[in-house]
């Protein structure tokens, strides 16, 4: 039986060949828009978020706009993403802190990002990787599910999964690997009906066995 590092190397090679060009599917023009879009993506599809932000960012663009808007205004604009009251509160409060502490700029540090209301490690790593080019493993439902199926982790907790993957994936590949698993989860390794018959990773997969 090959060890986990060797298996992860083979998995990465196949994923790179299958999905050579990966980017976040959340549409954004800058780091702040990506931050807001990623906050809205909790329990919501990227497609739905993109539909909402198309109108949202025409009405509210900057942290100053969100900080000065009423909660009700933000709630109505983001309602289709679900959990809109809590999301509106977090976005407004985060915008206020960005103005007060960072002159309206999104910090490029995980430690600073996770201090913002509603920002966990997943959201922070998405922003760092896609907006600043700083490697990070963003553990969403796809990454968590597929990592377990492939035997790359035994944990259920997203933070523990993140650290498990950090040990076996080269740092420079962290962001791309996360996105490749997301693409793979949407196209092949689905939650209820995984396409094992068309999967390029079958020989390396514990779930299939």
N, C-alpha and C. Protein backbone atom coordinates (compact mmCIF):
# COMPACT_ATOMS: atom_id res chain seq x y z
N UNK A 1 0.85 -1.20 0.00
CA UNK A 1 0.00 0.00 0.00
C UNK A 1 0.89 1.25 0.00
N UNK A 2 0.62 2.17 -0.93
CA UNK A 2 1.43 3.39 -1.00
C UNK A 2 1.08 4.32 0.15
N UNK A 3 2.08 5.09 0.59
CA UNK A 3 1.81 5.99 1.71
C UNK A 3 0.99 7.19 1.27
N UNK A 4 0.48 7.94 2.24
CA UNK A 4 -0.47 9.02 1.96
C UNK A 4 0.16 10.15 1.14
N UNK A 5 1.45 10.40 1.35
CA UNK A 5 2.11 11.48 0.60
C UNK A 5 2.24 11.10 -0.88
N UNK A 6 2.64 9.87 -1.14
CA UNK A 6 2.76 9.41 -2.52
C UNK A 6 1.41 9.40 -3.20
N UNK A 7 0.37 8.94 -2.47
CA UNK A 7 -0.97 8.91 -3.04
C UNK A 7 -1.47 10.32 -3.33
N UNK A 8 -1.21 11.25 -2.42
CA UNK A 8 -1.65 12.63 -2.63
C UNK A 8 -0.95 13.26 -3.84
N UNK A 9 0.31 12.89 -4.05
CA UNK A 9 1.05 13.40 -5.22
C UNK A 9 0.40 12.91 -6.52
N UNK A 10 0.01 11.64 -6.53
CA UNK A 10 -0.64 11.08 -7.72
C UNK A 10 -2.01 11.71 -7.95
N UNK A 11 -2.72 11.95 -6.85
CA UNK A 11 -4.04 12.59 -6.94
C UNK A 11 -3.90 14.00 -7.50
N UNK A 12 -2.92 14.76 -7.01
CA UNK A 12 -2.71 16.12 -7.47
C UNK A 12 -2.37 16.16 -8.96
N UNK A 13 -1.55 15.21 -9.39
CA UNK A 13 -1.15 15.16 -10.80
C UNK A 13 -2.37 14.94 -11.70
N UNK A 14 -3.24 14.02 -11.30
CA UNK A 14 -4.44 13.73 -12.10
C UNK A 14 -5.39 14.93 -12.08
N UNK A 15 -5.55 15.55 -10.92
CA UNK A 15 -6.45 16.70 -10.83
C UNK A 15 -5.93 17.87 -11.67
N UNK A 16 -4.61 18.06 -11.69
CA UNK A 16 -4.02 19.14 -12.49
C UNK A 16 -4.28 18.91 -13.98
N UNK A 17 -4.21 17.65 -14.40
CA UNK A 17 -4.46 17.31 -15.80
C UNK A 17 -5.94 17.47 -16.15
N UNK A 18 -6.80 17.14 -15.19
CA UNK A 18 -8.24 17.20 -15.42
C UNK A 18 -8.77 18.62 -15.36
N UNK A 19 -8.24 19.40 -14.40
CA UNK A 19 -8.67 20.79 -14.21
C UNK A 19 -7.44 21.69 -14.16
N UNK A 20 -6.83 21.96 -15.31
CA UNK A 20 -5.57 22.72 -15.34
C UNK A 20 -5.71 24.20 -14.98
N UNK A 21 -6.88 24.77 -15.24
CA UNK A 21 -7.08 26.20 -14.97
C UNK A 21 -8.28 26.37 -14.03
N UNK A 22 -7.99 26.65 -12.79
CA UNK A 22 -9.07 26.79 -11.80
C UNK A 22 -9.06 28.19 -11.19
N UNK A 23 -10.24 28.73 -11.03
CA UNK A 23 -10.42 30.04 -10.39
C UNK A 23 -11.72 30.01 -9.61
N UNK A 24 -11.83 30.87 -8.61
CA UNK A 24 -13.09 30.96 -7.89
C UNK A 24 -14.20 31.32 -8.87
N UNK A 25 -15.36 30.74 -8.69
CA UNK A 25 -16.50 31.02 -9.57
C UNK A 25 -17.30 32.23 -9.10
N UNK A 26 -16.90 32.81 -7.97
CA UNK A 26 -17.57 34.00 -7.47
C UNK A 26 -17.07 35.23 -8.23
N UNK A 27 -17.97 35.92 -8.89
CA UNK A 27 -17.58 37.07 -9.69
C UNK A 27 -17.28 38.27 -8.79
N UNK A 28 -16.16 38.92 -9.06
CA UNK A 28 -15.75 40.06 -8.24
C UNK A 28 -14.77 40.93 -9.02
N UNK A 29 -14.70 42.18 -8.64
CA UNK A 29 -13.77 43.11 -9.29
C UNK A 29 -12.60 43.48 -8.39
N UNK A 30 -12.71 43.17 -7.11
CA UNK A 30 -11.66 43.52 -6.17
C UNK A 30 -11.78 42.64 -4.92
N UNK A 31 -10.84 42.80 -4.01
CA UNK A 31 -10.79 41.95 -2.82
C UNK A 31 -12.00 42.14 -1.91
N UNK A 32 -12.53 43.36 -1.84
CA UNK A 32 -13.69 43.59 -0.98
C UNK A 32 -14.93 42.88 -1.55
N UNK A 33 -15.14 42.98 -2.85
CA UNK A 33 -16.28 42.30 -3.45
C UNK A 33 -16.16 40.79 -3.27
N UNK A 34 -14.96 40.25 -3.36
CA UNK A 34 -14.76 38.82 -3.14
C UNK A 34 -15.07 38.45 -1.70
N UNK A 35 -14.65 39.30 -0.76
CA UNK A 35 -14.93 39.06 0.65
C UNK A 35 -16.44 38.98 0.89
N UNK A 36 -17.18 39.94 0.36
CA UNK A 36 -18.63 39.97 0.53
C UNK A 36 -19.27 38.76 -0.15
N UNK A 37 -18.85 38.46 -1.38
CA UNK A 37 -19.42 37.33 -2.12
C UNK A 37 -19.17 36.02 -1.40
N UNK A 38 -17.99 35.87 -0.82
CA UNK A 38 -17.67 34.63 -0.11
C UNK A 38 -18.50 34.51 1.16
N UNK A 39 -18.75 35.62 1.84
CA UNK A 39 -19.63 35.60 3.01
C UNK A 39 -21.04 35.19 2.62
N UNK A 40 -21.49 35.67 1.48
CA UNK A 40 -22.84 35.33 1.00
C UNK A 40 -22.94 33.88 0.55
N UNK A 41 -21.82 33.27 0.20
CA UNK A 41 -21.84 31.91 -0.36
C UNK A 41 -22.09 30.82 0.68
N UNK A 42 -22.09 31.18 1.95
CA UNK A 42 -22.38 30.19 3.00
C UNK A 42 -23.79 29.65 2.81
N UNK A 43 -23.92 28.35 2.68
CA UNK A 43 -25.22 27.70 2.47
C UNK A 43 -25.94 28.22 1.23
N UNK A 44 -25.17 28.59 0.21
CA UNK A 44 -25.75 29.12 -1.02
C UNK A 44 -24.83 28.79 -2.19
N UNK A 45 -25.39 28.58 -3.37
CA UNK A 45 -24.58 28.25 -4.53
C UNK A 45 -23.88 29.49 -5.08
N UNK A 46 -22.76 29.27 -5.74
CA UNK A 46 -22.04 30.38 -6.38
C UNK A 46 -22.91 31.05 -7.43
N UNK A 47 -23.68 30.25 -8.15
CA UNK A 47 -24.56 30.80 -9.19
C UNK A 47 -25.56 31.78 -8.59
N UNK A 48 -26.14 31.41 -7.48
CA UNK A 48 -27.11 32.29 -6.82
C UNK A 48 -26.44 33.55 -6.29
N UNK A 49 -25.26 33.38 -5.70
CA UNK A 49 -24.51 34.53 -5.18
C UNK A 49 -24.19 35.51 -6.32
N UNK A 50 -23.74 34.99 -7.44
CA UNK A 50 -23.40 35.85 -8.57
C UNK A 50 -24.62 36.61 -9.09
N UNK A 51 -25.78 35.97 -9.02
CA UNK A 51 -27.01 36.62 -9.43
C UNK A 51 -27.34 37.78 -8.49
N UNK A 52 -27.10 37.56 -7.20
CA UNK A 52 -27.39 38.58 -6.19
C UNK A 52 -26.39 39.73 -6.24
N UNK A 53 -25.10 39.39 -6.33
CA UNK A 53 -24.08 40.44 -6.29
C UNK A 53 -24.09 41.33 -7.53
N UNK A 54 -24.63 40.82 -8.62
CA UNK A 54 -24.73 41.65 -9.83
C UNK A 54 -25.54 42.91 -9.54
N UNK A 55 -26.61 42.78 -8.79
CA UNK A 55 -27.44 43.92 -8.40
C UNK A 55 -26.87 44.61 -7.17
N UNK A 56 -26.40 43.79 -6.23
CA UNK A 56 -25.90 44.32 -4.95
C UNK A 56 -24.80 45.35 -5.16
N UNK A 57 -23.81 45.00 -5.99
CA UNK A 57 -22.65 45.88 -6.16
C UNK A 57 -22.93 47.10 -7.04
N UNK A 58 -24.12 47.11 -7.65
CA UNK A 58 -24.53 48.33 -8.36
C UNK A 58 -25.08 49.35 -7.36
N UNK A 59 -25.63 48.84 -6.26
CA UNK A 59 -26.20 49.70 -5.22
C UNK A 59 -25.20 50.05 -4.14
N UNK A 60 -24.41 49.07 -3.76
CA UNK A 60 -23.41 49.25 -2.70
C UNK A 60 -22.08 48.70 -3.20
N UNK A 61 -21.06 49.52 -3.27
CA UNK A 61 -19.78 49.09 -3.84
C UNK A 61 -18.66 48.95 -2.82
N UNK A 62 -18.53 49.91 -1.94
CA UNK A 62 -17.37 49.99 -1.06
C UNK A 62 -17.74 49.67 0.39
N UNK A 63 -16.73 49.46 1.25
CA UNK A 63 -17.02 49.29 2.67
C UNK A 63 -17.79 50.48 3.24
N UNK A 64 -17.52 51.66 2.73
CA UNK A 64 -18.20 52.86 3.21
C UNK A 64 -19.69 52.79 2.87
N UNK A 65 -20.01 52.29 1.68
CA UNK A 65 -21.42 52.15 1.28
C UNK A 65 -22.15 51.17 2.20
N UNK A 66 -21.53 50.04 2.47
CA UNK A 66 -22.17 49.03 3.32
C UNK A 66 -22.27 49.50 4.77
N UNK A 67 -21.23 50.17 5.25
CA UNK A 67 -21.24 50.64 6.63
C UNK A 67 -22.33 51.68 6.86
N UNK A 68 -22.62 52.48 5.83
CA UNK A 68 -23.61 53.55 5.95
C UNK A 68 -25.02 53.11 5.59
N UNK A 69 -25.15 51.95 4.97
CA UNK A 69 -26.47 51.46 4.60
C UNK A 69 -27.19 50.88 5.81
N UNK A 70 -28.49 50.90 5.79
CA UNK A 70 -29.25 50.29 6.88
C UNK A 70 -29.22 48.78 6.75
N UNK A 71 -29.39 48.10 7.87
CA UNK A 71 -29.45 46.64 7.83
C UNK A 71 -30.56 46.17 6.90
N UNK A 72 -31.69 46.87 6.94
CA UNK A 72 -32.83 46.48 6.12
C UNK A 72 -32.49 46.57 4.62
N UNK A 73 -31.78 47.62 4.23
CA UNK A 73 -31.39 47.78 2.82
C UNK A 73 -30.53 46.61 2.36
N UNK A 74 -29.52 46.28 3.19
CA UNK A 74 -28.62 45.17 2.84
C UNK A 74 -29.39 43.85 2.82
N UNK A 75 -30.24 43.66 3.82
CA UNK A 75 -31.02 42.42 3.90
C UNK A 75 -31.86 42.18 2.65
N UNK A 76 -32.52 43.22 2.18
CA UNK A 76 -33.37 43.08 1.00
C UNK A 76 -32.56 42.75 -0.25
N UNK A 77 -31.37 43.31 -0.34
CA UNK A 77 -30.53 43.07 -1.52
C UNK A 77 -29.93 41.67 -1.54
N UNK A 78 -29.72 41.08 -0.35
CA UNK A 78 -29.07 39.77 -0.29
C UNK A 78 -30.02 38.65 0.10
N UNK A 79 -31.29 38.95 0.25
CA UNK A 79 -32.28 37.98 0.74
C UNK A 79 -32.21 36.62 0.05
N UNK A 80 -32.07 36.55 -1.29
CA UNK A 80 -32.09 35.24 -1.96
C UNK A 80 -30.94 34.30 -1.58
N UNK A 81 -29.91 34.81 -0.89
CA UNK A 81 -28.79 33.94 -0.51
C UNK A 81 -29.06 33.15 0.76
N UNK A 82 -30.18 33.47 1.46
CA UNK A 82 -30.49 32.77 2.70
C UNK A 82 -29.72 33.34 3.89
N UNK A 83 -30.26 33.11 5.09
CA UNK A 83 -29.63 33.60 6.33
C UNK A 83 -29.27 35.09 6.18
N UNK A 84 -30.14 35.83 5.50
CA UNK A 84 -29.79 37.18 5.06
C UNK A 84 -29.65 38.17 6.21
N UNK A 85 -30.37 37.97 7.30
CA UNK A 85 -30.25 38.92 8.43
C UNK A 85 -28.87 38.83 9.07
N UNK A 86 -28.44 37.61 9.32
CA UNK A 86 -27.13 37.43 9.94
C UNK A 86 -26.01 37.85 8.99
N UNK A 87 -26.15 37.50 7.71
CA UNK A 87 -25.14 37.89 6.72
C UNK A 87 -25.06 39.41 6.59
N UNK A 88 -26.22 40.06 6.57
CA UNK A 88 -26.24 41.53 6.46
C UNK A 88 -25.54 42.18 7.65
N UNK A 89 -25.80 41.67 8.84
CA UNK A 89 -25.17 42.21 10.05
C UNK A 89 -23.66 42.04 10.00
N UNK A 90 -23.21 40.85 9.58
CA UNK A 90 -21.77 40.59 9.53
C UNK A 90 -21.07 41.44 8.46
N UNK A 91 -21.70 41.57 7.31
CA UNK A 91 -21.10 42.37 6.24
C UNK A 91 -21.01 43.84 6.66
N UNK A 92 -22.06 44.35 7.27
CA UNK A 92 -22.07 45.75 7.71
C UNK A 92 -21.00 45.98 8.79
N UNK A 93 -20.94 45.08 9.78
CA UNK A 93 -19.96 45.23 10.86
C UNK A 93 -18.53 45.05 10.35
N UNK A 94 -18.33 44.11 9.44
CA UNK A 94 -17.00 43.91 8.86
C UNK A 94 -16.57 45.15 8.09
N UNK A 95 -17.50 45.74 7.35
CA UNK A 95 -17.21 46.96 6.59
C UNK A 95 -16.80 48.09 7.53
N UNK A 96 -17.49 48.19 8.62
CA UNK A 96 -17.16 49.24 9.60
C UNK A 96 -15.75 49.04 10.15
N UNK A 97 -15.40 47.81 10.46
CA UNK A 97 -14.06 47.52 11.01
C UNK A 97 -12.98 47.78 9.95
N UNK A 98 -13.27 47.42 8.69
CA UNK A 98 -12.31 47.68 7.61
C UNK A 98 -12.01 49.18 7.51
N UNK A 99 -13.02 49.99 7.69
CA UNK A 99 -12.84 51.44 7.64
C UNK A 99 -12.05 51.93 8.85
N UNK A 100 -12.41 51.44 10.02
CA UNK A 100 -11.80 51.92 11.26
C UNK A 100 -10.35 51.45 11.43
N UNK A 101 -10.08 50.21 11.02
CA UNK A 101 -8.75 49.64 11.29
C UNK A 101 -7.83 49.57 10.07
N UNK A 102 -8.43 49.49 8.87
CA UNK A 102 -7.61 49.23 7.69
C UNK A 102 -7.82 50.24 6.57
N UNK A 103 -8.38 51.39 6.90
CA UNK A 103 -8.61 52.47 5.92
C UNK A 103 -9.43 51.99 4.72
N UNK A 104 -10.35 51.08 5.00
CA UNK A 104 -11.25 50.60 3.96
C UNK A 104 -10.68 49.50 3.08
N UNK A 105 -9.48 49.02 3.40
CA UNK A 105 -8.83 47.98 2.61
C UNK A 105 -9.00 46.61 3.28
N UNK A 106 -9.07 45.59 2.46
CA UNK A 106 -9.13 44.21 2.98
C UNK A 106 -7.72 43.76 3.34
N UNK A 107 -7.48 43.34 4.58
CA UNK A 107 -6.13 42.89 4.95
C UNK A 107 -5.75 41.59 4.25
N UNK A 108 -4.45 41.43 3.97
CA UNK A 108 -3.99 40.20 3.29
C UNK A 108 -3.33 39.27 4.29
N UNK A 109 -3.95 39.13 5.44
CA UNK A 109 -3.44 38.26 6.51
C UNK A 109 -4.58 37.41 7.04
N UNK A 110 -4.36 36.11 7.15
CA UNK A 110 -5.39 35.22 7.68
C UNK A 110 -5.75 35.61 9.11
N UNK A 111 -4.75 35.90 9.92
CA UNK A 111 -5.00 36.25 11.31
C UNK A 111 -5.88 37.49 11.43
N UNK A 112 -5.70 38.46 10.53
CA UNK A 112 -6.52 39.67 10.56
C UNK A 112 -7.91 39.41 9.99
N UNK A 113 -7.98 38.64 8.94
CA UNK A 113 -9.27 38.37 8.29
C UNK A 113 -10.24 37.64 9.22
N UNK A 114 -9.73 36.65 9.95
CA UNK A 114 -10.64 35.85 10.79
C UNK A 114 -11.11 36.60 12.04
N UNK A 115 -10.58 37.80 12.24
CA UNK A 115 -11.09 38.64 13.33
C UNK A 115 -12.35 39.39 12.92
N UNK A 116 -12.62 39.43 11.61
CA UNK A 116 -13.80 40.13 11.12
C UNK A 116 -15.05 39.29 11.38
N UNK A 117 -16.18 39.91 11.70
CA UNK A 117 -17.42 39.17 11.96
C UNK A 117 -17.84 38.32 10.76
N UNK A 118 -18.15 37.06 11.02
CA UNK A 118 -18.62 36.18 9.96
C UNK A 118 -17.56 35.61 9.06
N UNK A 119 -16.29 35.87 9.38
CA UNK A 119 -15.19 35.37 8.55
C UNK A 119 -14.48 34.22 9.26
N UNK A 120 -14.60 33.03 8.69
CA UNK A 120 -13.87 31.89 9.21
C UNK A 120 -12.65 31.60 8.35
N UNK A 121 -11.96 30.54 8.64
CA UNK A 121 -10.74 30.21 7.91
C UNK A 121 -11.03 29.92 6.44
N UNK A 122 -12.17 29.30 6.15
CA UNK A 122 -12.49 29.01 4.75
C UNK A 122 -12.61 30.28 3.94
N UNK A 123 -13.43 31.20 4.43
CA UNK A 123 -13.62 32.48 3.72
C UNK A 123 -12.30 33.22 3.59
N UNK A 124 -11.53 33.25 4.67
CA UNK A 124 -10.24 33.95 4.65
C UNK A 124 -9.31 33.35 3.61
N UNK A 125 -9.26 32.03 3.53
CA UNK A 125 -8.36 31.37 2.57
C UNK A 125 -8.81 31.58 1.12
N UNK A 126 -10.13 31.65 0.90
CA UNK A 126 -10.63 31.96 -0.45
C UNK A 126 -10.15 33.34 -0.87
N UNK A 127 -10.29 34.31 0.02
CA UNK A 127 -9.89 35.69 -0.28
C UNK A 127 -8.38 35.78 -0.48
N UNK A 128 -7.63 35.16 0.40
CA UNK A 128 -6.17 35.21 0.29
C UNK A 128 -5.69 34.61 -1.03
N UNK A 129 -6.26 33.46 -1.38
CA UNK A 129 -5.81 32.78 -2.59
C UNK A 129 -6.23 33.49 -3.86
N UNK A 130 -7.49 33.90 -3.94
CA UNK A 130 -8.03 34.45 -5.18
C UNK A 130 -7.79 35.95 -5.35
N UNK A 131 -7.69 36.67 -4.24
CA UNK A 131 -7.50 38.12 -4.34
C UNK A 131 -6.04 38.54 -4.19
N UNK A 132 -5.27 37.78 -3.41
CA UNK A 132 -3.90 38.19 -3.12
C UNK A 132 -2.83 37.19 -3.58
N UNK A 133 -3.26 36.04 -4.08
CA UNK A 133 -2.28 35.05 -4.52
C UNK A 133 -1.50 34.42 -3.39
N UNK A 134 -2.08 34.44 -2.18
CA UNK A 134 -1.43 33.83 -1.02
C UNK A 134 -2.02 32.44 -0.80
N UNK A 135 -1.22 31.38 -0.86
CA UNK A 135 -1.76 30.02 -0.78
C UNK A 135 -2.52 29.74 0.50
N UNK A 136 -3.64 29.05 0.35
CA UNK A 136 -4.42 28.64 1.50
C UNK A 136 -5.37 27.53 1.10
N UNK A 137 -5.68 26.63 2.01
CA UNK A 137 -6.61 25.54 1.73
C UNK A 137 -7.97 25.91 2.30
N UNK A 138 -8.91 26.17 1.41
CA UNK A 138 -10.26 26.55 1.81
C UNK A 138 -11.12 25.29 1.87
N UNK A 139 -11.50 24.88 3.06
CA UNK A 139 -12.24 23.63 3.22
C UNK A 139 -13.74 23.90 3.21
N UNK A 140 -14.36 23.66 2.05
CA UNK A 140 -15.81 23.72 1.95
C UNK A 140 -16.35 22.30 1.98
N UNK A 141 -17.64 22.13 1.67
CA UNK A 141 -18.22 20.79 1.75
C UNK A 141 -17.59 19.83 0.74
N UNK A 142 -17.23 20.33 -0.46
CA UNK A 142 -16.59 19.48 -1.46
C UNK A 142 -15.22 19.00 -0.99
N UNK A 143 -14.42 19.93 -0.51
CA UNK A 143 -13.06 19.60 -0.06
C UNK A 143 -13.11 18.61 1.10
N UNK A 144 -14.01 18.85 2.05
CA UNK A 144 -14.12 17.97 3.21
C UNK A 144 -14.55 16.56 2.79
N UNK A 145 -15.58 16.49 1.97
CA UNK A 145 -16.13 15.20 1.54
C UNK A 145 -15.13 14.39 0.72
N UNK A 146 -14.52 15.04 -0.27
CA UNK A 146 -13.62 14.31 -1.18
C UNK A 146 -12.31 13.94 -0.49
N UNK A 147 -11.81 14.79 0.37
CA UNK A 147 -10.59 14.46 1.12
C UNK A 147 -10.77 13.20 1.96
N UNK A 148 -11.96 13.06 2.55
CA UNK A 148 -12.25 11.86 3.34
C UNK A 148 -12.40 10.64 2.43
N UNK A 149 -13.10 10.83 1.31
CA UNK A 149 -13.29 9.70 0.39
C UNK A 149 -11.95 9.20 -0.17
N UNK A 150 -11.03 10.12 -0.38
CA UNK A 150 -9.72 9.76 -0.93
C UNK A 150 -8.74 9.29 0.15
N UNK A 151 -9.17 9.32 1.39
CA UNK A 151 -8.32 8.86 2.47
C UNK A 151 -7.21 9.83 2.84
N UNK A 152 -7.40 11.12 2.53
CA UNK A 152 -6.39 12.12 2.86
C UNK A 152 -6.58 12.68 4.26
N UNK A 153 -7.72 12.38 4.86
CA UNK A 153 -8.00 12.80 6.23
C UNK A 153 -9.05 11.86 6.81
N UNK A 154 -9.05 11.76 8.13
CA UNK A 154 -10.08 10.99 8.82
C UNK A 154 -10.98 11.92 9.63
N UNK A 155 -10.66 13.21 9.59
CA UNK A 155 -11.37 14.17 10.42
C UNK A 155 -12.63 14.71 9.74
N UNK A 156 -13.55 15.19 10.56
CA UNK A 156 -14.77 15.83 10.08
C UNK A 156 -14.71 17.34 10.25
N UNK A 157 -13.93 17.79 11.23
CA UNK A 157 -13.82 19.22 11.50
C UNK A 157 -13.03 19.91 10.39
N UNK A 158 -13.58 20.97 9.78
CA UNK A 158 -12.92 21.65 8.66
C UNK A 158 -11.50 22.14 8.97
N UNK A 159 -11.29 22.64 10.17
CA UNK A 159 -9.96 23.15 10.53
C UNK A 159 -8.96 22.00 10.62
N UNK A 160 -9.38 20.88 11.19
CA UNK A 160 -8.49 19.72 11.27
C UNK A 160 -8.20 19.16 9.88
N UNK A 161 -9.21 19.17 9.01
CA UNK A 161 -9.00 18.72 7.63
C UNK A 161 -8.00 19.64 6.93
N UNK A 162 -8.16 20.94 7.13
CA UNK A 162 -7.24 21.92 6.53
C UNK A 162 -5.80 21.61 6.94
N UNK A 163 -5.57 21.36 8.22
CA UNK A 163 -4.21 21.12 8.70
C UNK A 163 -3.69 19.76 8.24
N UNK A 164 -4.57 18.77 8.11
CA UNK A 164 -4.15 17.48 7.56
C UNK A 164 -3.65 17.65 6.13
N UNK A 165 -4.39 18.41 5.33
CA UNK A 165 -4.01 18.62 3.93
C UNK A 165 -2.75 19.46 3.81
N UNK A 166 -2.58 20.41 4.70
CA UNK A 166 -1.39 21.26 4.68
C UNK A 166 -0.11 20.44 4.87
N UNK A 167 -0.23 19.32 5.57
CA UNK A 167 0.95 18.48 5.83
C UNK A 167 1.39 17.70 4.59
N UNK A 168 0.46 17.43 3.67
CA UNK A 168 0.80 16.54 2.55
C UNK A 168 0.75 17.23 1.18
N UNK A 169 0.20 18.44 1.14
CA UNK A 169 0.13 19.19 -0.12
C UNK A 169 1.17 20.32 -0.08
N UNK A 170 2.02 20.47 -1.09
CA UNK A 170 3.00 21.56 -1.10
C UNK A 170 2.29 22.92 -0.99
N UNK A 171 2.87 23.81 -0.22
CA UNK A 171 2.22 25.09 0.07
C UNK A 171 1.83 25.86 -1.20
N UNK A 172 2.68 25.82 -2.20
CA UNK A 172 2.40 26.57 -3.44
C UNK A 172 1.15 26.07 -4.15
N UNK A 173 0.72 24.85 -3.83
CA UNK A 173 -0.43 24.25 -4.50
C UNK A 173 -1.71 24.29 -3.66
N UNK A 174 -1.65 24.86 -2.47
CA UNK A 174 -2.80 24.82 -1.57
C UNK A 174 -4.07 25.38 -2.20
N UNK A 175 -3.99 26.58 -2.75
CA UNK A 175 -5.20 27.21 -3.30
C UNK A 175 -5.75 26.44 -4.49
N UNK A 176 -4.86 26.07 -5.42
CA UNK A 176 -5.30 25.34 -6.60
C UNK A 176 -5.89 23.98 -6.24
N UNK A 177 -5.28 23.30 -5.28
CA UNK A 177 -5.78 21.98 -4.88
C UNK A 177 -7.20 22.10 -4.33
N UNK A 178 -7.44 23.10 -3.51
CA UNK A 178 -8.79 23.32 -2.97
C UNK A 178 -9.78 23.50 -4.10
N UNK A 179 -9.44 24.37 -5.04
CA UNK A 179 -10.35 24.66 -6.16
C UNK A 179 -10.54 23.44 -7.06
N UNK A 180 -9.48 22.66 -7.25
CA UNK A 180 -9.59 21.45 -8.08
C UNK A 180 -10.56 20.46 -7.44
N UNK A 181 -10.53 20.36 -6.12
CA UNK A 181 -11.48 19.47 -5.44
C UNK A 181 -12.91 19.99 -5.57
N UNK A 182 -13.08 21.31 -5.55
CA UNK A 182 -14.41 21.90 -5.74
C UNK A 182 -14.93 21.58 -7.14
N UNK A 183 -14.09 21.82 -8.16
CA UNK A 183 -14.48 21.51 -9.54
C UNK A 183 -14.81 20.02 -9.67
N UNK A 184 -13.95 19.18 -9.08
CA UNK A 184 -14.11 17.74 -9.14
C UNK A 184 -15.41 17.30 -8.45
N UNK A 185 -15.72 17.94 -7.33
CA UNK A 185 -16.94 17.61 -6.59
C UNK A 185 -18.19 17.96 -7.37
N UNK A 186 -18.15 19.06 -8.08
CA UNK A 186 -19.31 19.48 -8.87
C UNK A 186 -19.49 18.62 -10.12
N UNK A 187 -18.38 18.21 -10.71
CA UNK A 187 -18.46 17.49 -11.99
C UNK A 187 -18.57 15.98 -11.84
N UNK A 188 -17.89 15.42 -10.83
CA UNK A 188 -17.78 13.96 -10.74
C UNK A 188 -18.17 13.42 -9.36
N UNK A 189 -17.46 13.84 -8.34
CA UNK A 189 -17.59 13.24 -7.01
C UNK A 189 -18.70 13.93 -6.20
N UNK A 190 -19.93 13.72 -6.67
CA UNK A 190 -21.08 14.38 -6.05
C UNK A 190 -21.45 13.69 -4.73
N UNK A 191 -22.17 14.40 -3.91
CA UNK A 191 -22.47 13.91 -2.56
C UNK A 191 -23.29 12.62 -2.58
N UNK A 192 -24.41 12.63 -3.32
CA UNK A 192 -25.33 11.49 -3.27
C UNK A 192 -25.06 10.44 -4.34
N UNK A 193 -24.71 10.90 -5.52
CA UNK A 193 -24.48 9.96 -6.63
C UNK A 193 -23.13 10.22 -7.29
N UNK A 194 -22.04 9.87 -6.62
CA UNK A 194 -20.72 10.11 -7.20
C UNK A 194 -20.52 9.30 -8.48
N UNK A 195 -19.88 9.93 -9.48
CA UNK A 195 -19.68 9.26 -10.76
C UNK A 195 -18.46 8.37 -10.75
N UNK A 196 -18.50 7.35 -9.93
CA UNK A 196 -17.34 6.45 -9.80
C UNK A 196 -16.96 5.79 -11.12
N UNK A 197 -17.96 5.57 -11.99
CA UNK A 197 -17.70 4.89 -13.27
C UNK A 197 -16.92 5.77 -14.24
N UNK A 198 -16.92 7.09 -14.02
CA UNK A 198 -16.17 7.99 -14.91
C UNK A 198 -15.03 8.70 -14.17
N UNK A 199 -14.78 8.29 -12.94
CA UNK A 199 -13.81 8.98 -12.09
C UNK A 199 -12.36 8.63 -12.46
N UNK A 200 -11.51 9.64 -12.67
CA UNK A 200 -10.11 9.38 -12.99
C UNK A 200 -9.28 8.99 -11.76
N UNK A 201 -9.91 9.06 -10.58
CA UNK A 201 -9.18 8.77 -9.35
C UNK A 201 -9.61 7.45 -8.71
N UNK A 202 -10.34 6.65 -9.45
CA UNK A 202 -10.90 5.41 -8.89
C UNK A 202 -9.85 4.53 -8.22
N UNK A 203 -8.69 4.37 -8.85
CA UNK A 203 -7.66 3.47 -8.32
C UNK A 203 -7.03 4.01 -7.04
N UNK A 204 -7.26 5.28 -6.75
CA UNK A 204 -6.65 5.90 -5.57
C UNK A 204 -7.69 6.23 -4.51
N UNK A 205 -8.91 5.74 -4.70
CA UNK A 205 -10.03 6.17 -3.86
C UNK A 205 -10.46 5.09 -2.87
N UNK A 206 -10.50 5.44 -1.61
CA UNK A 206 -10.97 4.51 -0.56
C UNK A 206 -12.47 4.32 -0.64
N UNK A 207 -13.20 5.34 -1.04
CA UNK A 207 -14.67 5.29 -1.07
C UNK A 207 -15.13 4.22 -2.07
N UNK A 208 -14.54 4.20 -3.25
CA UNK A 208 -14.92 3.21 -4.27
C UNK A 208 -14.64 1.81 -3.79
N UNK A 209 -13.50 1.63 -3.13
CA UNK A 209 -13.14 0.29 -2.63
C UNK A 209 -14.09 -0.17 -1.54
